[in-house]
Amino acid sequence: CFAHLRRKFYESLPSNAPPDSVAAQAVAYCDQA
C-alpha cells in the first residue's frame, strides 16, 4: 500500500523541510503516482 509508504515519509518531514530533501522528494513521487 503506497498510502502507508507515503505516510511514513510524510511523518518524517520537519516543518521547514526544503523540497529537495529526501523525505519531501519521496512524498512528491508518491503524489505524482
PDB file of all heavy atoms in Angstrom:
ATOM      1  N   CYS A   1       0.850  -1.201   0.000  1.00  0.00           N
ATOM      2  CA  CYS A   1       0.000   0.000   0.000  1.00  0.00           C
ATOM      3  C   CYS A   1       0.884   1.249   0.000  1.00  0.00           C
ATOM      4  O   CYS A   1       1.618   1.504   0.959  1.00  0.00           O
ATOM      5  CB  CYS A   1      -0.917  -0.001   1.228  1.00  0.00           C
ATOM      6  SG  CYS A   1      -1.883   1.505   1.421  1.00  0.00           S
ATOM      7  N   PHE A   2       0.815   2.034  -1.071  1.00  0.00           N
ATOM      8  CA  PHE A   2       1.624   3.249  -1.162  1.00  0.00           C
ATOM      9  C   PHE A   2       1.104   4.349  -0.241  1.00  0.00           C
ATOM     10  O   PHE A   2       1.841   5.298   0.051  1.00  0.00           O
ATOM     11  CB  PHE A   2       1.664   3.744  -2.613  1.00  0.00           C
ATOM     12  CG  PHE A   2       2.723   3.072  -3.442  1.00  0.00           C
ATOM     13  CD1 PHE A   2       2.442   1.910  -4.140  1.00  0.00           C
ATOM     14  CD2 PHE A   2       4.009   3.580  -3.496  1.00  0.00           C
ATOM     15  CE1 PHE A   2       3.415   1.283  -4.901  1.00  0.00           C
ATOM     16  CE2 PHE A   2       4.989   2.958  -4.245  1.00  0.00           C
ATOM     17  CZ  PHE A   2       4.699   1.796  -4.950  1.00  0.00           C
ATOM     18  N   ALA A   3      -0.128   4.265   0.199  1.00  0.00           N
ATOM     19  CA  ALA A   3      -0.619   5.244   1.172  1.00  0.00           C
ATOM     20  C   ALA A   3       0.130   5.086   2.495  1.00  0.00           C
ATOM     21  O   ALA A   3       0.479   6.077   3.152  1.00  0.00           O
ATOM     22  CB  ALA A   3      -2.120   5.077   1.385  1.00  0.00           C
ATOM     23  N   HIS A   4       0.397   3.841   2.901  1.00  0.00           N
ATOM     24  CA  HIS A   4       1.195   3.609   4.103  1.00  0.00           C
ATOM     25  C   HIS A   4       2.633   4.092   3.906  1.00  0.00           C
ATOM     26  O   HIS A   4       3.223   4.715   4.793  1.00  0.00           O
ATOM     27  CB  HIS A   4       1.207   2.117   4.449  1.00  0.00           C
ATOM     28  CG  HIS A   4      -0.045   1.650   5.117  1.00  0.00           C
ATOM     29  ND1 HIS A   4      -1.207   1.400   4.432  1.00  0.00           N
ATOM     30  CD2 HIS A   4      -0.317   1.385   6.426  1.00  0.00           C
ATOM     31  CE1 HIS A   4      -2.148   1.002   5.281  1.00  0.00           C
ATOM     32  NE2 HIS A   4      -1.639   0.986   6.487  1.00  0.00           N
ATOM     33  N   LEU A   5       3.202   3.781   2.737  1.00  0.00           N
ATOM     34  CA  LEU A   5       4.574   4.198   2.462  1.00  0.00           C
ATOM     35  C   LEU A   5       4.692   5.722   2.473  1.00  0.00           C
ATOM     36  O   LEU A   5       5.613   6.288   3.080  1.00  0.00           O
ATOM     37  CB  LEU A   5       5.009   3.629   1.113  1.00  0.00           C
ATOM     38  CG  LEU A   5       6.456   3.877   0.675  1.00  0.00           C
ATOM     39  CD1 LEU A   5       6.967   2.691  -0.140  1.00  0.00           C
ATOM     40  CD2 LEU A   5       6.573   5.140  -0.168  1.00  0.00           C
ATOM     41  N   ARG A   6       3.755   6.396   1.806  1.00  0.00           N
ATOM     42  CA  ARG A   6       3.786   7.860   1.769  1.00  0.00           C
ATOM     43  C   ARG A   6       3.652   8.448   3.161  1.00  0.00           C
ATOM     44  O   ARG A   6       4.319   9.429   3.505  1.00  0.00           O
ATOM     45  CB  ARG A   6       2.653   8.368   0.871  1.00  0.00           C
ATOM     46  CG  ARG A   6       2.629   9.889   0.731  1.00  0.00           C
ATOM     47  CD  ARG A   6       1.355  10.365   0.057  1.00  0.00           C
ATOM     48  NE  ARG A   6       1.348  11.797  -0.139  1.00  0.00           N
ATOM     49  CZ  ARG A   6       1.036  12.694   0.800  1.00  0.00           C
ATOM     50  NH1 ARG A   6       0.696  12.285   2.023  1.00  0.00           N
ATOM     51  NH2 ARG A   6       1.061  13.991   0.534  1.00  0.00           N
ATOM     52  N   ARG A   7       2.776   7.858   3.975  1.00  0.00           N
ATOM     53  CA  ARG A   7       2.553   8.386   5.318  1.00  0.00           C
ATOM     54  C   ARG A   7       3.830   8.358   6.149  1.00  0.00           C
ATOM     55  O   ARG A   7       4.110   9.274   6.930  1.00  0.00           O
ATOM     56  CB  ARG A   7       1.444   7.604   6.010  1.00  0.00           C
ATOM     57  CG  ARG A   7       1.051   8.166   7.379  1.00  0.00           C
ATOM     58  CD  ARG A   7      -0.123   7.412   7.960  1.00  0.00           C
ATOM     59  NE  ARG A   7      -1.271   7.500   7.081  1.00  0.00           N
ATOM     60  CZ  ARG A   7      -1.900   6.444   6.580  1.00  0.00           C
ATOM     61  NH1 ARG A   7      -1.482   5.214   6.872  1.00  0.00           N
ATOM     62  NH2 ARG A   7      -2.940   6.590   5.790  1.00  0.00           N
ATOM     63  N   LYS A   8       4.638   7.303   5.986  1.00  0.00           N
ATOM     64  CA  LYS A   8       5.867   7.209   6.765  1.00  0.00           C
ATOM     65  C   LYS A   8       6.847   8.310   6.377  1.00  0.00           C
ATOM     66  O   LYS A   8       7.528   8.889   7.238  1.00  0.00           O
ATOM     67  CB  LYS A   8       6.488   5.828   6.588  1.00  0.00           C
ATOM     68  CG  LYS A   8       5.678   4.718   7.256  1.00  0.00           C
ATOM     69  CD  LYS A   8       6.371   3.390   7.183  1.00  0.00           C
ATOM     70  CE  LYS A   8       5.543   2.311   7.884  1.00  0.00           C
ATOM     71  NZ  LYS A   8       5.385   2.564   9.327  1.00  0.00           N
ATOM     72  N   PHE A   9       6.945   8.627   5.090  1.00  0.00           N
ATOM     73  CA  PHE A   9       7.820   9.730   4.674  1.00  0.00           C
ATOM     74  C   PHE A   9       7.227  11.073   5.076  1.00  0.00           C
ATOM     75  O   PHE A   9       7.957  11.988   5.463  1.00  0.00           O
ATOM     76  CB  PHE A   9       8.051   9.671   3.162  1.00  0.00           C
ATOM     77  CG  PHE A   9       9.049   8.636   2.751  1.00  0.00           C
ATOM     78  CD1 PHE A   9       8.634   7.439   2.177  1.00  0.00           C
ATOM     79  CD2 PHE A   9      10.403   8.843   2.942  1.00  0.00           C
ATOM     80  CE1 PHE A   9       9.551   6.479   1.801  1.00  0.00           C
ATOM     81  CE2 PHE A   9      11.340   7.887   2.574  1.00  0.00           C
ATOM     82  CZ  PHE A   9      10.909   6.699   1.999  1.00  0.00           C
ATOM     83  N   TYR A  10       5.907  11.184   5.004  1.00  0.00           N
ATOM     84  CA  TYR A  10       5.259  12.439   5.399  1.00  0.00           C
ATOM     85  C   TYR A  10       5.490  12.726   6.881  1.00  0.00           C
ATOM     86  O   TYR A  10       5.752  13.870   7.274  1.00  0.00           O
ATOM     87  CB  TYR A  10       3.765  12.356   5.097  1.00  0.00           C
ATOM     88  CG  TYR A  10       2.984  13.570   5.542  1.00  0.00           C
ATOM     89  CD1 TYR A  10       2.943  14.722   4.762  1.00  0.00           C
ATOM     90  CD2 TYR A  10       2.286  13.564   6.748  1.00  0.00           C
ATOM     91  CE1 TYR A  10       2.238  15.839   5.171  1.00  0.00           C
ATOM     92  CE2 TYR A  10       1.582  14.676   7.168  1.00  0.00           C
ATOM     93  CZ  TYR A  10       1.562  15.808   6.379  1.00  0.00           C
ATOM     94  OH  TYR A  10       0.859  16.916   6.788  1.00  0.00           O
ATOM     95  N   GLU A  11       5.407  11.697   7.706  1.00  0.00           N
ATOM     96  CA  GLU A  11       5.605  11.885   9.148  1.00  0.00           C
ATOM     97  C   GLU A  11       7.066  12.185   9.494  1.00  0.00           C
ATOM     98  O   GLU A  11       7.344  12.687  10.582  1.00  0.00           O
ATOM     99  CB  GLU A  11       5.149  10.631   9.896  1.00  0.00           C
ATOM    100  CG  GLU A  11       3.638  10.431   9.867  1.00  0.00           C
ATOM    101  CD  GLU A  11       3.207   9.121  10.483  1.00  0.00           C
ATOM    102  OE1 GLU A  11       4.096   8.290  10.783  1.00  0.00           O
ATOM    103  OE2 GLU A  11       1.986   8.918  10.676  1.00  0.00           O
ATOM    104  N   SER A  12       7.991  11.898   8.579  1.00  0.00           N
ATOM    105  CA  SER A  12       9.405  12.202   8.836  1.00  0.00           C
ATOM    106  C   SER A  12       9.777  13.605   8.383  1.00  0.00           C
ATOM    107  O   SER A  12      10.915  14.045   8.596  1.00  0.00           O
ATOM    108  CB  SER A  12      10.299  11.189   8.111  1.00  0.00           C
ATOM    109  OG  SER A  12      10.261  11.380   6.705  1.00  0.00           O
ATOM    110  N   LEU A  13       8.838  14.327   7.757  1.00  0.00           N
ATOM    111  CA  LEU A  13       9.126  15.675   7.271  1.00  0.00           C
ATOM    112  C   LEU A  13       9.192  16.674   8.424  1.00  0.00           C
ATOM    113  O   LEU A  13       8.228  16.795   9.188  1.00  0.00           O
ATOM    114  CB  LEU A  13       8.034  16.126   6.297  1.00  0.00           C
ATOM    115  CG  LEU A  13       8.136  15.674   4.843  1.00  0.00           C
ATOM    116  CD1 LEU A  13       6.846  16.017   4.116  1.00  0.00           C
ATOM    117  CD2 LEU A  13       9.314  16.326   4.168  1.00  0.00           C
ATOM    118  N   PRO A  14      10.277  17.407   8.562  1.00  0.00           N
ATOM    119  CA  PRO A  14      10.270  18.521   9.526  1.00  0.00           C
ATOM    120  C   PRO A  14       9.401  19.656   9.003  1.00  0.00           C
ATOM    121  O   PRO A  14       9.051  19.700   7.818  1.00  0.00           O
ATOM    122  CB  PRO A  14      11.747  18.925   9.598  1.00  0.00           C
ATOM    123  CG  PRO A  14      12.341  18.454   8.326  1.00  0.00           C
ATOM    124  CD  PRO A  14      11.579  17.229   7.918  1.00  0.00           C
ATOM    125  N   SER A  15       9.052  20.567   9.882  1.00  0.00           N
ATOM    126  CA  SER A  15       8.128  21.634   9.498  1.00  0.00           C
ATOM    127  C   SER A  15       8.693  22.532   8.408  1.00  0.00           C
ATOM    128  O   SER A  15       7.950  23.099   7.612  1.00  0.00           O
ATOM    129  CB  SER A  15       7.780  22.478  10.730  1.00  0.00           C
ATOM    130  OG  SER A  15       8.958  22.996  11.325  1.00  0.00           O
ATOM    131  N   ASN A  16      10.022  22.691   8.353  1.00  0.00           N
ATOM    132  CA  ASN A  16      10.643  23.583   7.371  1.00  0.00           C
ATOM    133  C   ASN A  16      11.449  22.804   6.336  1.00  0.00           C
ATOM    134  O   ASN A  16      12.494  23.255   5.867  1.00  0.00           O
ATOM    135  CB  ASN A  16      11.539  24.593   8.069  1.00  0.00           C
ATOM    136  CG  ASN A  16      12.603  23.907   8.934  1.00  0.00           C
ATOM    137  OD1 ASN A  16      12.519  22.700   9.180  1.00  0.00           O
ATOM    138  ND2 ASN A  16      13.585  24.675   9.379  1.00  0.00           N
ATOM    139  N   ALA A  17      10.989  21.610   5.973  1.00  0.00           N
ATOM    140  CA  ALA A  17      11.744  20.754   5.060  1.00  0.00           C
ATOM    141  C   ALA A  17      11.816  21.385   3.668  1.00  0.00           C
ATOM    142  O   ALA A  17      10.778  21.759   3.107  1.00  0.00           O
ATOM    143  CB  ALA A  17      11.109  19.378   4.984  1.00  0.00           C
ATOM    144  N   PRO A  18      13.010  21.514   3.075  1.00  0.00           N
ATOM    145  CA  PRO A  18      13.112  22.016   1.694  1.00  0.00           C
ATOM    146  C   PRO A  18      12.597  20.976   0.714  1.00  0.00           C
ATOM    147  O   PRO A  18      12.606  19.779   1.008  1.00  0.00           O
ATOM    148  CB  PRO A  18      14.623  22.242   1.528  1.00  0.00           C
ATOM    149  CG  PRO A  18      15.256  21.304   2.499  1.00  0.00           C
ATOM    150  CD  PRO A  18      14.315  21.221   3.663  1.00  0.00           C
ATOM    151  N   PRO A  19      12.153  21.392  -0.467  1.00  0.00           N
ATOM    152  CA  PRO A  19      11.571  20.439  -1.419  1.00  0.00           C
ATOM    153  C   PRO A  19      12.584  19.460  -1.997  1.00  0.00           C
ATOM    154  O   PRO A  19      12.187  18.465  -2.595  1.00  0.00           O
ATOM    155  CB  PRO A  19      10.990  21.339  -2.510  1.00  0.00           C
ATOM    156  CG  PRO A  19      11.745  22.622  -2.400  1.00  0.00           C
ATOM    157  CD  PRO A  19      12.080  22.782  -0.958  1.00  0.00           C
ATOM    158  N   ASP A  20      13.882  19.741  -1.832  1.00  0.00           N
ATOM    159  CA  ASP A  20      14.876  18.812  -2.357  1.00  0.00           C
ATOM    160  C   ASP A  20      15.361  17.814  -1.308  1.00  0.00           C
ATOM    161  O   ASP A  20      16.283  17.041  -1.568  1.00  0.00           O
ATOM    162  CB  ASP A  20      16.070  19.573  -2.932  1.00  0.00           C
ATOM    163  CG  ASP A  20      16.740  20.481  -1.899  1.00  0.00           C
ATOM    164  OD1 ASP A  20      16.147  20.661  -0.810  1.00  0.00           O
ATOM    165  OD2 ASP A  20      17.823  20.998  -2.188  1.00  0.00           O
ATOM    166  N   SER A  21      14.737  17.812  -0.111  1.00  0.00           N
ATOM    167  CA  SER A  21      15.092  16.818   0.897  1.00  0.00           C
ATOM    168  C   SER A  21      14.575  15.449   0.468  1.00  0.00           C
ATOM    169  O   SER A  21      13.640  15.345  -0.339  1.00  0.00           O
ATOM    170  CB  SER A  21      14.512  17.199   2.265  1.00  0.00           C
ATOM    171  OG  SER A  21      13.102  17.165   2.230  1.00  0.00           O
ATOM    172  N   VAL A  22      15.184  14.411   0.999  1.00  0.00           N
ATOM    173  CA  VAL A  22      14.808  13.051   0.607  1.00  0.00           C
ATOM    174  C   VAL A  22      13.340  12.783   0.927  1.00  0.00           C
ATOM    175  O   VAL A  22      12.593  12.250   0.087  1.00  0.00           O
ATOM    176  CB  VAL A  22      15.711  12.023   1.315  1.00  0.00           C
ATOM    177  CG1 VAL A  22      15.248  10.599   1.008  1.00  0.00           C
ATOM    178  CG2 VAL A  22      17.155  12.203   0.885  1.00  0.00           C
ATOM    179  N   ALA A  23      12.899  13.163   2.134  1.00  0.00           N
ATOM    180  CA  ALA A  23      11.511  12.890   2.523  1.00  0.00           C
ATOM    181  C   ALA A  23      10.532  13.644   1.627  1.00  0.00           C
ATOM    182  O   ALA A  23       9.520  13.089   1.181  1.00  0.00           O
ATOM    183  CB  ALA A  23      11.291  13.275   3.985  1.00  0.00           C
ATOM    184  N   ALA A  24      10.831  14.930   1.347  1.00  0.00           N
ATOM    185  CA  ALA A  24       9.926  15.724   0.510  1.00  0.00           C
ATOM    186  C   ALA A  24       9.857  15.170  -0.913  1.00  0.00           C
ATOM    187  O   ALA A  24       8.785  15.118  -1.523  1.00  0.00           O
ATOM    188  CB  ALA A  24      10.378  17.178   0.489  1.00  0.00           C
ATOM    189  N   GLN A  25      10.998  14.743  -1.444  1.00  0.00           N
ATOM    190  CA  GLN A  25      11.002  14.177  -2.789  1.00  0.00           C
ATOM    191  C   GLN A  25      10.240  12.848  -2.828  1.00  0.00           C
ATOM    192  O   GLN A  25       9.519  12.562  -3.791  1.00  0.00           O
ATOM    193  CB  GLN A  25      12.433  13.967  -3.273  1.00  0.00           C
ATOM    194  CG  GLN A  25      13.189  15.264  -3.551  1.00  0.00           C
ATOM    195  CD  GLN A  25      14.556  14.986  -4.147  1.00  0.00           C
ATOM    196  OE1 GLN A  25      14.655  14.453  -5.254  1.00  0.00           O
ATOM    197  NE2 GLN A  25      15.610  15.342  -3.418  1.00  0.00           N
ATOM    198  N   ALA A  26      10.399  12.034  -1.775  1.00  0.00           N
ATOM    199  CA  ALA A  26       9.668  10.763  -1.730  1.00  0.00           C
ATOM    200  C   ALA A  26       8.166  11.000  -1.695  1.00  0.00           C
ATOM    201  O   ALA A  26       7.391  10.324  -2.397  1.00  0.00           O
ATOM    202  CB  ALA A  26      10.111   9.965  -0.506  1.00  0.00           C
ATOM    203  N   VAL A  27       7.725  11.972  -0.885  1.00  0.00           N
ATOM    204  CA  VAL A  27       6.304  12.315  -0.837  1.00  0.00           C
ATOM    205  C   VAL A  27       5.834  12.816  -2.204  1.00  0.00           C
ATOM    206  O   VAL A  27       4.739  12.468  -2.676  1.00  0.00           O
ATOM    207  CB  VAL A  27       6.036  13.375   0.249  1.00  0.00           C
ATOM    208  CG1 VAL A  27       4.610  13.912   0.157  1.00  0.00           C
ATOM    209  CG2 VAL A  27       6.275  12.781   1.638  1.00  0.00           C
ATOM    210  N   ALA A  28       6.664  13.624  -2.864  1.00  0.00           N
ATOM    211  CA  ALA A  28       6.291  14.163  -4.170  1.00  0.00           C
ATOM    212  C   ALA A  28       6.158  13.049  -5.209  1.00  0.00           C
ATOM    213  O   ALA A  28       5.250  13.076  -6.055  1.00  0.00           O
ATOM    214  CB  ALA A  28       7.325  15.195  -4.621  1.00  0.00           C
ATOM    215  N   TYR A  29       7.061  12.068  -5.190  1.00  0.00           N
ATOM    216  CA  TYR A  29       6.951  10.938  -6.116  1.00  0.00           C
ATOM    217  C   TYR A  29       5.650  10.160  -5.869  1.00  0.00           C
ATOM    218  O   TYR A  29       4.967   9.754  -6.819  1.00  0.00           O
ATOM    219  CB  TYR A  29       8.151  10.011  -5.965  1.00  0.00           C
ATOM    220  CG  TYR A  29       9.366  10.424  -6.757  1.00  0.00           C
ATOM    221  CD1 TYR A  29      10.592  10.640  -6.124  1.00  0.00           C
ATOM    222  CD2 TYR A  29       9.307  10.591  -8.133  1.00  0.00           C
ATOM    223  CE1 TYR A  29      11.722  11.026  -6.845  1.00  0.00           C
ATOM    224  CE2 TYR A  29      10.425  10.966  -8.866  1.00  0.00           C
ATOM    225  CZ  TYR A  29      11.632  11.184  -8.214  1.00  0.00           C
ATOM    226  OH  TYR A  29      12.736  11.554  -8.930  1.00  0.00           O
ATOM    227  N   CYS A  30       5.328   9.943  -4.596  1.00  0.00           N
ATOM    228  CA  CYS A  30       4.064   9.246  -4.282  1.00  0.00           C
ATOM    229  C   CYS A  30       2.861  10.048  -4.774  1.00  0.00           C
ATOM    230  O   CYS A  30       1.916   9.479  -5.345  1.00  0.00           O
ATOM    231  CB  CYS A  30       3.962   9.010  -2.778  1.00  0.00           C
ATOM    232  SG  CYS A  30       5.144   7.813  -2.118  1.00  0.00           S
ATOM    233  N   ASP A  31       2.904  11.363  -4.578  1.00  0.00           N
ATOM    234  CA  ASP A  31       1.803  12.204  -5.040  1.00  0.00           C
ATOM    235  C   ASP A  31       1.658  12.139  -6.554  1.00  0.00           C
ATOM    236  O   ASP A  31       0.536  12.118  -7.092  1.00  0.00           O
ATOM    237  CB  ASP A  31       2.031  13.649  -4.604  1.00  0.00           C
ATOM    238  CG  ASP A  31       1.864  13.841  -3.105  1.00  0.00           C
ATOM    239  OD1 ASP A  31       1.280  12.952  -2.474  1.00  0.00           O
ATOM    240  OD2 ASP A  31       2.329  14.870  -2.578  1.00  0.00           O
ATOM    241  N   GLN A  32       2.792  12.114  -7.259  1.00  0.00           N
ATOM    242  CA  GLN A  32       2.725  12.021  -8.711  1.00  0.00           C
ATOM    243  C   GLN A  32       2.121  10.690  -9.147  1.00  0.00           C
ATOM    244  O   GLN A  32       1.318  10.634 -10.078  1.00  0.00           O
ATOM    245  CB  GLN A  32       4.124  12.182  -9.310  1.00  0.00           C
ATOM    246  CG  GLN A  32       4.100  12.280 -10.831  1.00  0.00           C
ATOM    247  CD  GLN A  32       5.482  12.240 -11.439  1.00  0.00           C
ATOM    248  OE1 GLN A  32       6.407  11.686 -10.851  1.00  0.00           O
ATOM    249  NE2 GLN A  32       5.642  12.829 -12.617  1.00  0.00           N
ATOM    250  N   ALA A  33       2.503   9.615  -8.451  1.00  0.00           N
ATOM    251  CA  ALA A  33       1.941   8.297  -8.784  1.00  0.00           C
ATOM    252  C   ALA A  33       0.432   8.273  -8.581  1.00  0.00           C
ATOM    253  O   ALA A  33      -0.320   7.777  -9.440  1.00  0.00           O
ATOM    254  CB  ALA A  33       2.615   7.224  -7.928  1.00  0.00           C
TER     255      ALA A  33
END
